[in-house]
Amino acid sequence: MAKARIAVQIHPQHANYADIRRAAAEAEELGVDVLYNWDHFYPLYGGEPDANVGKHFECWTMLGAWAEATESIRIGALVTCNSYRNPQLLADMARTVDVISGGRLIFGIGSGWFEKDYDEYGYEFGTAVGRLKILDEAMPVIKERLSELDPQPTGSLPILIGGGGEKMTLRIVSEYADIWHGFGDVDVFTHKNAVLDEWCAKIGRDPGEIERSIGVEADKIELADSYRAAGADEFTIGLNGPKYDFSQVKEWLAWRDDTNA
């Protein structure tokens, strides 16, 4: 099992970019392992009078800025929506951010789900199964384009795939991902982990090649050991703007240090 990592997902909503930039700097200063944003065009919660109203910023433009503004922390999207960009262009964008950052990018990707993004920006929403099929088709295209780019990525450029669907998503994870990101309580995470292992067995891949990431609530530090025992390598805490309060993240970092000692 890999050493435990603590990640923070900065929700790029309801904040000025200066607030987001300060949060990125604080995450790095505190020793957070990974800094994520998300790939949406509107806030997901917290707006008045509608949850999807308020300040918001685009994902990959921000990652390019983070690549320059930070020095050591890993960065990435949790997760890129495959629907929003041509897969070959997306591969080139990821390679570029990786090189700018000195090899610190985690290439997070998923099939997409937030219908307002699709409707407002003119993408076809379709069905969940249809979006997963498109993701499945895009992954080998992305990997091939990555292999052809000059210069090549500076780092290992691990691919993270998010989602928990047992029939399609976890099969795609078993074929293409270096990291799987899921959600749910310990029992759900344990079950999904086992399903992913089964998919790996079916295609002949060592499940130990895929690290496991879990989204956790900042105030649930008491669950850390249970998730770790269930196989979690990375623990991701979401922070909302404009304050981006790291007080509880510090408890997770202390737990990480004790666990990895």
C-alpha atoms as a PDB file:
ATOM      1  CA  MET A   1       0.000   0.000   0.000  1.00  0.00           C
ATOM      2  CA  ALA A   2       1.219   3.472  -0.887  1.00  0.00           C
ATOM      3  CA  LYS A   3       1.799   6.061   1.803  1.00  0.00           C
ATOM      4  CA  ALA A   4      -1.351   7.907   2.838  1.00  0.00           C
ATOM      5  CA  ARG A   5      -1.907  11.225   1.058  1.00  0.00           C
ATOM      6  CA  ILE A   6      -4.138  14.159   1.937  1.00  0.00           C
ATOM      7  CA  ALA A   7      -5.686  16.065  -0.958  1.00  0.00           C
ATOM      8  CA  VAL A   8      -7.749  19.238  -0.902  1.00  0.00           C
ATOM      9  CA  GLN A   9     -10.304  20.089  -3.568  1.00  0.00           C
ATOM     10  CA  ILE A  10     -10.689  23.859  -3.836  1.00  0.00           C
ATOM     11  CA  HIS A  11     -14.235  24.438  -5.069  1.00  0.00           C
ATOM     12  CA  PRO A  12     -13.738  27.337  -7.514  1.00  0.00           C
ATOM     13  CA  GLN A  13     -17.045  28.996  -6.708  1.00  0.00           C
ATOM     14  CA  HIS A  14     -18.335  31.984  -4.706  1.00  0.00           C
ATOM     15  CA  ALA A  15     -14.809  33.432  -4.503  1.00  0.00           C
ATOM     16  CA  ASN A  16     -12.526  35.877  -6.239  1.00  0.00           C
ATOM     17  CA  TYR A  17      -9.461  34.362  -7.861  1.00  0.00           C
ATOM     18  CA  ALA A  18      -7.296  36.042  -5.222  1.00  0.00           C
ATOM     19  CA  ASP A  19      -9.115  33.933  -2.600  1.00  0.00           C
ATOM     20  CA  ILE A  20      -8.458  30.769  -4.610  1.00  0.00           C
ATOM     21  CA  ARG A  21      -4.813  31.703  -5.118  1.00  0.00           C
ATOM     22  CA  ARG A  22      -4.336  32.244  -1.384  1.00  0.00           C
ATOM     23  CA  ALA A  23      -5.977  28.869  -0.673  1.00  0.00           C
ATOM     24  CA  ALA A  24      -3.619  27.144  -3.109  1.00  0.00           C
ATOM     25  CA  ALA A  25      -0.645  28.784  -1.412  1.00  0.00           C
ATOM     26  CA  GLU A  26      -1.905  27.777   2.052  1.00  0.00           C
ATOM     27  CA  ALA A  27      -2.418  24.170   0.947  1.00  0.00           C
ATOM     28  CA  GLU A  28       1.164  23.980  -0.273  1.00  0.00           C
ATOM     29  CA  GLU A  29       2.551  25.706   2.807  1.00  0.00           C
ATOM     30  CA  LEU A  30       0.711  23.279   5.116  1.00  0.00           C
ATOM     31  CA  GLY A  31       2.082  20.251   3.279  1.00  0.00           C
ATOM     32  CA  VAL A  32      -1.077  19.043   1.541  1.00  0.00           C
ATOM     33  CA  ASP A  33      -0.095  16.385  -1.006  1.00  0.00           C
ATOM     34  CA  VAL A  34      -2.519  17.169  -3.834  1.00  0.00           C
ATOM     35  CA  LEU A  35      -4.519  20.255  -4.811  1.00  0.00           C
ATOM     36  CA  TYR A  36      -7.596  19.659  -6.970  1.00  0.00           C
ATOM     37  CA  ASN A  37     -10.238  21.877  -8.490  1.00  0.00           C
ATOM     38  CA  TRP A  38     -13.290  20.684 -10.460  1.00  0.00           C
ATOM     39  CA  ASP A  39     -14.476  20.967 -14.051  1.00  0.00           C
ATOM     40  CA  HIS A  40     -17.770  22.856 -14.026  1.00  0.00           C
ATOM     41  CA  PHE A  41     -18.993  26.162 -15.417  1.00  0.00           C
ATOM     42  CA  TYR A  42     -21.423  27.100 -12.622  1.00  0.00           C
ATOM     43  CA  PRO A  43     -21.454  26.726  -8.830  1.00  0.00           C
ATOM     44  CA  LEU A  44     -22.804  23.409  -7.597  1.00  0.00           C
ATOM     45  CA  TYR A  45     -24.154  24.626  -4.254  1.00  0.00           C
ATOM     46  CA  GLY A  46     -24.348  27.537  -1.879  1.00  0.00           C
ATOM     47  CA  GLY A  47     -25.800  30.212  -4.151  1.00  0.00           C
ATOM     48  CA  GLU A  48     -28.776  32.426  -3.399  1.00  0.00           C
ATOM     49  CA  PRO A  49     -31.561  32.264  -4.440  1.00  0.00           C
ATOM     50  CA  ASP A  50     -30.501  29.398  -6.729  1.00  0.00           C
ATOM     51  CA  ALA A  51     -27.765  26.890  -5.881  1.00  0.00           C
ATOM     52  CA  ASN A  52     -26.148  27.302  -9.303  1.00  0.00           C
ATOM     53  CA  VAL A  53     -25.759  31.099  -9.174  1.00  0.00           C
ATOM     54  CA  GLY A  54     -22.564  32.879  -8.216  1.00  0.00           C
ATOM     55  CA  LYS A  55     -18.923  33.455  -9.099  1.00  0.00           C
ATOM     56  CA  HIS A  56     -17.120  30.605 -10.836  1.00  0.00           C
ATOM     57  CA  PHE A  57     -13.915  29.928 -12.789  1.00  0.00           C
ATOM     58  CA  GLU A  58     -12.878  27.485 -15.510  1.00  0.00           C
ATOM     59  CA  CYS A  59     -10.882  24.390 -14.590  1.00  0.00           C
ATOM     60  CA  TRP A  60      -7.934  23.997 -16.965  1.00  0.00           C
ATOM     61  CA  THR A  61      -7.087  27.693 -17.243  1.00  0.00           C
ATOM     62  CA  MET A  62      -6.810  27.636 -13.460  1.00  0.00           C
ATOM     63  CA  LEU A  63      -4.608  24.529 -13.481  1.00  0.00           C
ATOM     64  CA  GLY A  64      -2.178  26.303 -15.787  1.00  0.00           C
ATOM     65  CA  ALA A  65      -2.027  29.190 -13.317  1.00  0.00           C
ATOM     66  CA  TRP A  66      -1.508  26.789 -10.395  1.00  0.00           C
ATOM     67  CA  ALA A  67       1.314  25.096 -12.290  1.00  0.00           C
ATOM     68  CA  GLU A  68       3.187  28.414 -12.225  1.00  0.00           C
ATOM     69  CA  ALA A  69       2.038  29.625  -8.815  1.00  0.00           C
ATOM     70  CA  THR A  70       3.020  26.482  -6.856  1.00  0.00           C
ATOM     71  CA  GLU A  71       6.296  24.595  -6.568  1.00  0.00           C
ATOM     72  CA  SER A  72       5.872  21.198  -4.960  1.00  0.00           C
ATOM     73  CA  ILE A  73       2.222  20.263  -4.443  1.00  0.00           C
ATOM     74  CA  ARG A  74       0.632  17.953  -7.018  1.00  0.00           C
ATOM     75  CA  ILE A  75      -2.284  19.485  -8.934  1.00  0.00           C
ATOM     76  CA  GLY A  76      -5.222  18.217 -10.966  1.00  0.00           C
ATOM     77  CA  ALA A  77      -8.913  18.272 -11.761  1.00  0.00           C
ATOM     78  CA  LEU A  78     -11.299  16.149  -9.731  1.00  0.00           C
ATOM     79  CA  VAL A  79     -12.389  15.496 -12.362  1.00  0.00           C
ATOM     80  CA  THR A  80     -12.223  16.762 -15.946  1.00  0.00           C
ATOM     81  CA  CYS A  81     -15.497  16.248 -17.818  1.00  0.00           C
ATOM     82  CA  ASN A  82     -14.624  14.249 -20.913  1.00  0.00           C
ATOM     83  CA  SER A  83     -17.600  15.741 -22.788  1.00  0.00           C
ATOM     84  CA  TYR A  84     -16.322  19.314 -22.822  1.00  0.00           C
ATOM     85  CA  ARG A  85     -13.163  18.946 -24.923  1.00  0.00           C
ATOM     86  CA  ASN A  86     -11.854  16.962 -27.849  1.00  0.00           C
ATOM     87  CA  PRO A  87      -9.869  14.061 -26.286  1.00  0.00           C
ATOM     88  CA  GLN A  88      -6.737  14.740 -28.339  1.00  0.00           C
ATOM     89  CA  LEU A  89      -6.817  18.412 -27.354  1.00  0.00           C
ATOM     90  CA  LEU A  90      -7.390  17.407 -23.736  1.00  0.00           C
ATOM     91  CA  ALA A  91      -4.309  15.161 -23.847  1.00  0.00           C
ATOM     92  CA  ASP A  92      -2.267  18.081 -25.158  1.00  0.00           C
ATOM     93  CA  MET A  93      -3.629  20.398 -22.463  1.00  0.00           C
ATOM     94  CA  ALA A  94      -2.730  17.877 -19.756  1.00  0.00           C
ATOM     95  CA  ARG A  95       0.769  17.366 -21.142  1.00  0.00           C
ATOM     96  CA  THR A  96       1.290  21.136 -21.282  1.00  0.00           C
ATOM     97  CA  VAL A  97       0.194  21.704 -17.688  1.00  0.00           C
ATOM     98  CA  ASP A  98       2.333  18.767 -16.574  1.00  0.00           C
ATOM     99  CA  VAL A  99       5.429  20.233 -18.235  1.00  0.00           C
ATOM    100  CA  ILE A 100       4.748  23.728 -16.860  1.00  0.00           C
ATOM    101  CA  SER A 101       4.372  22.278 -13.357  1.00  0.00           C
ATOM    102  CA  GLY A 102       7.563  20.240 -13.566  1.00  0.00           C
ATOM    103  CA  GLY A 103       5.709  16.933 -13.680  1.00  0.00           C
ATOM    104  CA  ARG A 104       3.163  17.454 -10.899  1.00  0.00           C
ATOM    105  CA  LEU A 105      -0.133  16.915 -12.753  1.00  0.00           C
ATOM    106  CA  ILE A 106      -2.635  14.191 -11.908  1.00  0.00           C
ATOM    107  CA  PHE A 107      -4.848  13.765 -14.986  1.00  0.00           C
ATOM    108  CA  GLY A 108      -8.309  13.342 -13.470  1.00  0.00           C
ATOM    109  CA  ILE A 109     -11.171  12.528 -15.828  1.00  0.00           C
ATOM    110  CA  GLY A 110     -14.768  11.311 -15.740  1.00  0.00           C
ATOM    111  CA  SER A 111     -17.838  11.046 -17.919  1.00  0.00           C
ATOM    112  CA  GLY A 112     -19.678  14.162 -16.663  1.00  0.00           C
ATOM    113  CA  TRP A 113     -23.013  14.622 -14.915  1.00  0.00           C
ATOM    114  CA  PHE A 114     -23.980  18.284 -14.318  1.00  0.00           C
ATOM    115  CA  GLU A 115     -26.765  18.956 -16.824  1.00  0.00           C
ATOM    116  CA  LYS A 116     -26.727  22.755 -16.523  1.00  0.00           C
ATOM    117  CA  ASP A 117     -23.143  22.868 -17.809  1.00  0.00           C
ATOM    118  CA  TYR A 118     -24.169  20.902 -20.879  1.00  0.00           C
ATOM    119  CA  ASP A 119     -27.308  22.909 -21.581  1.00  0.00           C
ATOM    120  CA  GLU A 120     -25.810  26.355 -21.082  1.00  0.00           C
ATOM    121  CA  TYR A 121     -22.638  25.672 -23.081  1.00  0.00           C
ATOM    122  CA  GLY A 122     -24.288  23.770 -25.924  1.00  0.00           C
ATOM    123  CA  TYR A 123     -23.086  20.228 -25.267  1.00  0.00           C
ATOM    124  CA  GLU A 124     -25.375  17.237 -25.741  1.00  0.00           C
ATOM    125  CA  PHE A 125     -26.238  15.811 -22.333  1.00  0.00           C
ATOM    126  CA  GLY A 126     -27.530  12.456 -23.569  1.00  0.00           C
ATOM    127  CA  THR A 127     -27.648   9.606 -21.062  1.00  0.00           C
ATOM    128  CA  ALA A 128     -25.312   8.410 -18.325  1.00  0.00           C
ATOM    129  CA  VAL A 129     -24.591   5.235 -20.279  1.00  0.00           C
ATOM    130  CA  GLY A 130     -23.963   7.215 -23.444  1.00  0.00           C
ATOM    131  CA  ARG A 131     -21.510   9.538 -21.690  1.00  0.00           C
ATOM    132  CA  LEU A 132     -19.661   6.538 -20.260  1.00  0.00           C
ATOM    133  CA  LYS A 133     -19.414   4.961 -23.703  1.00  0.00           C
ATOM    134  CA  ILE A 134     -17.888   8.179 -25.021  1.00  0.00           C
ATOM    135  CA  LEU A 135     -15.394   8.183 -22.124  1.00  0.00           C
ATOM    136  CA  ASP A 136     -14.520   4.576 -22.887  1.00  0.00           C
ATOM    137  CA  GLU A 137     -13.851   5.508 -26.516  1.00  0.00           C
ATOM    138  CA  ALA A 138     -11.834   8.570 -25.534  1.00  0.00           C
ATOM    139  CA  MET A 139      -9.378   6.887 -23.155  1.00  0.00           C
ATOM    140  CA  PRO A 140      -7.266   5.019 -25.749  1.00  0.00           C
ATOM    141  CA  VAL A 141      -7.299   8.137 -27.931  1.00  0.00           C
ATOM    142  CA  ILE A 142      -6.001  10.216 -25.024  1.00  0.00           C
ATOM    143  CA  LYS A 143      -3.293   7.696 -24.190  1.00  0.00           C
ATOM    144  CA  GLU A 144      -2.171   7.428 -27.810  1.00  0.00           C
ATOM    145  CA  ARG A 145      -1.977  11.199 -28.221  1.00  0.00           C
ATOM    146  CA  LEU A 146      -0.020  11.491 -24.975  1.00  0.00           C
ATOM    147  CA  SER A 147       2.518   9.009 -26.343  1.00  0.00           C
ATOM    148  CA  GLU A 148       3.018  11.101 -29.494  1.00  0.00           C
ATOM    149  CA  LEU A 149       3.431  14.591 -28.048  1.00  0.00           C
ATOM    150  CA  ASP A 150       6.729  16.445 -28.175  1.00  0.00           C
ATOM    151  CA  PRO A 151       7.940  17.173 -25.586  1.00  0.00           C
ATOM    152  CA  GLN A 152       6.660  14.284 -23.538  1.00  0.00           C
ATOM    153  CA  PRO A 153       5.122  14.814 -20.070  1.00  0.00           C
ATOM    154  CA  THR A 154       7.754  15.614 -17.481  1.00  0.00           C
ATOM    155  CA  GLY A 155       6.218  13.472 -14.754  1.00  0.00           C
ATOM    156  CA  SER A 156       4.527  10.095 -14.673  1.00  0.00           C
ATOM    157  CA  LEU A 157       1.188  11.841 -15.436  1.00  0.00           C
ATOM    158  CA  PRO A 158      -1.032   9.347 -13.581  1.00  0.00           C
ATOM    159  CA  ILE A 159      -4.589   9.043 -14.857  1.00  0.00           C
ATOM    160  CA  LEU A 160      -7.292   9.300 -12.199  1.00  0.00           C
ATOM    161  CA  ILE A 161     -10.816   8.200 -13.125  1.00  0.00           C
ATOM    162  CA  GLY A 162     -13.681   9.161 -10.853  1.00  0.00           C
ATOM    163  CA  GLY A 163     -16.977   7.354 -10.368  1.00  0.00           C
ATOM    164  CA  GLY A 164     -18.454   4.241  -8.850  1.00  0.00           C
ATOM    165  CA  GLY A 165     -20.629   2.564 -11.465  1.00  0.00           C
ATOM    166  CA  GLU A 166     -19.967  -1.152 -11.179  1.00  0.00           C
ATOM    167  CA  LYS A 167     -20.866  -2.260 -14.711  1.00  0.00           C
ATOM    168  CA  MET A 168     -19.059   0.359 -16.795  1.00  0.00           C
ATOM    169  CA  THR A 169     -17.111   2.933 -14.768  1.00  0.00           C
ATOM    170  CA  LEU A 170     -15.068   0.493 -12.712  1.00  0.00           C
ATOM    171  CA  ARG A 171     -14.349  -1.587 -15.812  1.00  0.00           C
ATOM    172  CA  ILE A 172     -12.976   1.545 -17.513  1.00  0.00           C
ATOM    173  CA  VAL A 173     -10.954   2.257 -14.366  1.00  0.00           C
ATOM    174  CA  SER A 174      -9.488  -1.250 -14.451  1.00  0.00           C
ATOM    175  CA  GLU A 175      -8.266  -0.736 -18.016  1.00  0.00           C
ATOM    176  CA  TYR A 176      -6.963   2.827 -17.990  1.00  0.00           C
ATOM    177  CA  ALA A 177      -6.565   4.338 -14.519  1.00  0.00           C
ATOM    178  CA  ASP A 178      -3.596   4.655 -12.209  1.00  0.00           C
ATOM    179  CA  ILE A 179      -5.848   6.061  -9.478  1.00  0.00           C
ATOM    180  CA  TRP A 180      -9.530   5.424  -8.810  1.00  0.00           C
ATOM    181  CA  HIS A 181     -11.538   8.075  -6.965  1.00  0.00           C
ATOM    182  CA  GLY A 182     -14.787   7.122  -5.267  1.00  0.00           C
ATOM    183  CA  PHE A 183     -17.315   8.296  -2.712  1.00  0.00           C
ATOM    184  CA  GLY A 184     -19.446   6.727  -0.003  1.00  0.00           C
ATOM    185  CA  ASP A 185     -19.175   5.392   3.514  1.00  0.00           C
ATOM    186  CA  VAL A 186     -16.630   2.755   4.501  1.00  0.00           C
ATOM    187  CA  ASP A 187     -18.919  -0.146   3.586  1.00  0.00           C
ATOM    188  CA  VAL A 188     -19.643   1.319   0.139  1.00  0.00           C
ATOM    189  CA  PHE A 189     -15.972   2.039  -0.453  1.00  0.00           C
ATOM    190  CA  THR A 190     -15.022  -1.496   0.608  1.00  0.00           C
ATOM    191  CA  HIS A 191     -17.587  -3.006  -1.755  1.00  0.00           C
ATOM    192  CA  LYS A 192     -16.570  -0.829  -4.729  1.00  0.00           C
ATOM    193  CA  ASN A 193     -12.924  -1.661  -4.068  1.00  0.00           C
ATOM    194  CA  ALA A 194     -13.741  -5.352  -4.296  1.00  0.00           C
ATOM    195  CA  VAL A 195     -15.659  -4.838  -7.548  1.00  0.00           C
ATOM    196  CA  LEU A 196     -12.695  -2.978  -9.026  1.00  0.00           C
ATOM    197  CA  ASP A 197     -10.419  -5.860  -8.015  1.00  0.00           C
ATOM    198  CA  GLU A 198     -12.780  -8.257  -9.794  1.00  0.00           C
ATOM    199  CA  TRP A 199     -12.630  -6.200 -12.981  1.00  0.00           C
ATOM    200  CA  CYS A 200      -8.844  -6.192 -12.786  1.00  0.00           C
ATOM    201  CA  ALA A 201      -8.883  -9.989 -12.494  1.00  0.00           C
ATOM    202  CA  LYS A 202     -11.124 -10.261 -15.555  1.00  0.00           C
ATOM    203  CA  ILE A 203      -8.764  -8.247 -17.759  1.00  0.00           C
ATOM    204  CA  GLY A 204      -5.576  -9.648 -16.253  1.00  0.00           C
ATOM    205  CA  ARG A 205      -4.342  -6.528 -14.487  1.00  0.00           C
ATOM    206  CA  ASP A 206      -2.739  -6.428 -11.056  1.00  0.00           C
ATOM    207  CA  PRO A 207      -5.193  -4.449  -8.862  1.00  0.00           C
ATOM    208  CA  GLY A 208      -2.231  -3.208  -6.861  1.00  0.00           C
ATOM    209  CA  GLU A 209      -1.317  -1.011  -9.828  1.00  0.00           C
ATOM    210  CA  ILE A 210      -4.372   1.185  -9.143  1.00  0.00           C
ATOM    211  CA  GLU A 211      -4.232   3.467  -6.123  1.00  0.00           C
ATOM    212  CA  ARG A 212      -7.496   4.212  -4.328  1.00  0.00           C
ATOM    213  CA  SER A 213      -8.780   7.704  -3.506  1.00  0.00           C
ATOM    214  CA  ILE A 214     -11.824   8.564  -1.419  1.00  0.00           C
ATOM    215  CA  GLY A 215     -13.742  11.778  -0.875  1.00  0.00           C
ATOM    216  CA  VAL A 216     -14.140  12.457   2.847  1.00  0.00           C
ATOM    217  CA  GLU A 217     -15.879  15.041   5.013  1.00  0.00           C
ATOM    218  CA  ALA A 218     -13.489  17.358   6.804  1.00  0.00           C
ATOM    219  CA  ASP A 219     -15.161  16.727  10.166  1.00  0.00           C
ATOM    220  CA  LYS A 220     -15.025  12.912   9.907  1.00  0.00           C
ATOM    221  CA  ILE A 221     -11.416  12.330  10.936  1.00  0.00           C
ATOM    222  CA  GLU A 222     -12.615   9.456  13.126  1.00  0.00           C
ATOM    223  CA  LEU A 223     -13.234   7.441   9.934  1.00  0.00           C
ATOM    224  CA  ALA A 224      -9.698   7.829   8.607  1.00  0.00           C
ATOM    225  CA  ASP A 225      -8.333   4.568  10.010  1.00  0.00           C
ATOM    226  CA  SER A 226     -11.332   2.602   8.745  1.00  0.00           C
ATOM    227  CA  TYR A 227     -10.971   3.961   5.218  1.00  0.00           C
ATOM    228  CA  ARG A 228      -7.249   3.272   5.350  1.00  0.00           C
ATOM    229  CA  ALA A 229      -7.861  -0.301   6.438  1.00  0.00           C
ATOM    230  CA  ALA A 230     -10.329  -0.657   3.552  1.00  0.00           C
ATOM    231  CA  GLY A 231      -7.593   0.277   1.086  1.00  0.00           C
ATOM    232  CA  ALA A 232      -7.675   4.070   0.717  1.00  0.00           C
ATOM    233  CA  ASP A 233      -4.392   5.697  -0.261  1.00  0.00           C
ATOM    234  CA  GLU A 234      -5.644   9.251  -0.833  1.00  0.00           C
ATOM    235  CA  PHE A 235      -8.177  11.211   1.221  1.00  0.00           C
ATOM    236  CA  THR A 236      -9.752  14.238  -0.462  1.00  0.00           C
ATOM    237  CA  ILE A 237     -11.389  17.063   1.481  1.00  0.00           C
ATOM    238  CA  GLY A 238     -13.537  19.631  -0.314  1.00  0.00           C
ATOM    239  CA  LEU A 239     -13.342  23.292   0.699  1.00  0.00           C
ATOM    240  CA  ASN A 240     -15.776  25.978  -0.409  1.00  0.00           C
ATOM    241  CA  GLY A 241     -15.053  29.640  -1.033  1.00  0.00           C
ATOM    242  CA  PRO A 242     -14.541  32.351  -0.307  1.00  0.00           C
ATOM    243  CA  LYS A 243     -12.963  31.495   3.073  1.00  0.00           C
ATOM    244  CA  TYR A 244     -11.435  28.054   2.323  1.00  0.00           C
ATOM    245  CA  ASP A 245     -11.047  27.083   5.984  1.00  0.00           C
ATOM    246  CA  PHE A 246      -8.092  24.700   6.509  1.00  0.00           C
ATOM    247  CA  SER A 247      -8.533  24.214  10.249  1.00  0.00           C
ATOM    248  CA  GLN A 248      -9.835  20.642   9.962  1.00  0.00           C
ATOM    249  CA  VAL A 249      -7.449  19.806   7.125  1.00  0.00           C
ATOM    250  CA  LYS A 250      -4.639  20.245   9.641  1.00  0.00           C
ATOM    251  CA  GLU A 251      -6.072  17.351  11.686  1.00  0.00           C
ATOM    252  CA  TRP A 252      -5.979  15.120   8.605  1.00  0.00           C
ATOM    253  CA  LEU A 253      -2.396  16.128   7.917  1.00  0.00           C
ATOM    254  CA  ALA A 254      -1.400  15.214  11.475  1.00  0.00           C
ATOM    255  CA  TRP A 255      -3.145  11.842  11.058  1.00  0.00           C
ATOM    256  CA  ARG A 256      -1.287  11.297   7.756  1.00  0.00           C
ATOM    257  CA  ASP A 257       2.054  12.005   9.374  1.00  0.00           C
ATOM    258  CA  ASP A 258       1.367   9.576  12.230  1.00  0.00           C
ATOM    259  CA  THR A 259       0.137   6.909   9.803  1.00  0.00           C
ATOM    260  CA  ASN A 260       3.152   7.196   7.513  1.00  0.00           C
ATOM    261  CA  ALA A 261       5.717   7.366  10.327  1.00  0.00           C
END
